[in-house]
């Protein structure tokens, strides 16, 4: 077998390119699926969150408004 670019045969080069292409395509597809499934809240939940505002207090005593059901990191408490 004759070695070409970077000391690889043509078959090794094509196999490597196919693996990289498959990784990129599958990564892009799974990122779109994960965004639709986990990141975006349903429309009804988004509407509920905008109508209910909580007041949260940080560890340093600063107060701020929070429109989501889970408390953010670094807070002592959030009102219901």
Protein backbone atom coordinates (compact mmCIF):
# COMPACT_ATOMS: atom_id res chain seq x y z
CA UNK A 1 0.00 0.00 0.00
CA UNK A 2 1.20 3.44 -0.84
CA UNK A 3 1.07 6.02 1.93
CA UNK A 4 -0.07 9.51 1.07
CA UNK A 5 -0.82 12.62 3.08
CA UNK A 6 0.12 12.40 6.78
CA UNK A 7 1.32 8.80 6.35
CA UNK A 8 -2.17 7.37 5.73
CA UNK A 9 -3.56 5.31 2.90
CA UNK A 10 -6.44 6.61 0.81
CA UNK A 11 -8.86 4.24 2.57
CA UNK A 12 -7.76 5.47 6.00
CA UNK A 13 -8.08 9.09 4.88
CA UNK A 14 -11.62 8.53 3.54
CA UNK A 15 -12.66 6.61 6.65
CA UNK A 16 -11.39 9.42 8.88
CA UNK A 17 -13.25 12.03 6.83
CA UNK A 18 -16.45 9.96 7.00
CA UNK A 19 -16.17 9.66 10.79
CA UNK A 20 -15.65 13.41 11.21
CA UNK A 21 -18.57 14.19 8.88
CA UNK A 22 -20.86 11.76 10.72
CA UNK A 23 -19.86 13.27 14.07
CA UNK A 24 -20.67 16.80 12.91
CA UNK A 25 -24.00 15.82 11.34
CA UNK A 26 -25.14 13.75 14.34
CA UNK A 27 -24.00 16.46 16.76
CA UNK A 28 -26.00 19.11 14.92
CA UNK A 29 -29.08 16.87 14.77
CA UNK A 30 -28.91 15.96 18.46
CA UNK A 31 -28.38 19.61 19.45
CA UNK A 32 -31.56 20.61 17.61
CA UNK A 33 -33.47 17.73 19.24
CA UNK A 34 -32.15 18.58 22.71
CA UNK A 35 -33.05 22.26 22.28
CA UNK A 36 -36.61 21.40 21.28
CA UNK A 37 -36.97 18.83 24.06
CA UNK A 38 -35.22 20.34 27.08
CA UNK A 39 -34.43 24.04 26.62
CA UNK A 40 -37.60 25.68 25.39
CA UNK A 41 -40.52 25.55 27.85
CA UNK A 42 -43.97 24.77 26.47
CA UNK A 43 -46.04 27.81 25.54
CA UNK A 44 -48.45 27.30 28.45
CA UNK A 45 -45.60 27.14 30.98
CA UNK A 46 -44.03 30.27 29.51
CA UNK A 47 -47.34 32.10 29.89
CA UNK A 48 -47.66 30.95 33.51
CA UNK A 49 -44.14 32.09 34.35
CA UNK A 50 -44.65 35.61 33.03
CA UNK A 51 -47.71 36.19 35.22
CA UNK A 52 -46.13 35.02 38.48
CA UNK A 53 -43.15 37.09 39.63
CA UNK A 54 -41.13 36.05 42.66
CA UNK A 55 -38.85 38.20 44.75
CA UNK A 56 -35.57 36.45 45.53
CA UNK A 57 -32.81 37.36 47.98
CA UNK A 58 -29.15 36.59 47.21
CA UNK A 59 -26.55 35.47 49.73
CA UNK A 60 -25.40 39.10 50.03
CA UNK A 61 -28.94 40.39 50.71
CA UNK A 62 -29.69 41.87 47.28
CA UNK A 63 -33.33 41.50 46.14
CA UNK A 64 -34.37 40.86 42.52
CA UNK A 65 -37.39 39.71 40.52
CA UNK A 66 -37.44 36.12 39.18
CA UNK A 67 -40.12 34.76 36.80
CA UNK A 68 -39.21 31.08 36.86
CA UNK A 69 -40.41 28.29 39.17
CA UNK A 70 -36.94 27.15 40.25
CA UNK A 71 -34.77 29.45 42.39
CA UNK A 72 -31.50 30.60 40.81
CA UNK A 73 -28.12 29.53 42.15
CA UNK A 74 -26.79 31.65 45.02
CA UNK A 75 -30.12 32.67 46.58
CA UNK A 76 -31.18 32.35 50.19
CA UNK A 77 -34.88 32.30 49.37
CA UNK A 78 -37.57 33.22 46.86
CA UNK A 79 -41.15 34.20 47.59
CA UNK A 80 -43.95 31.99 46.38
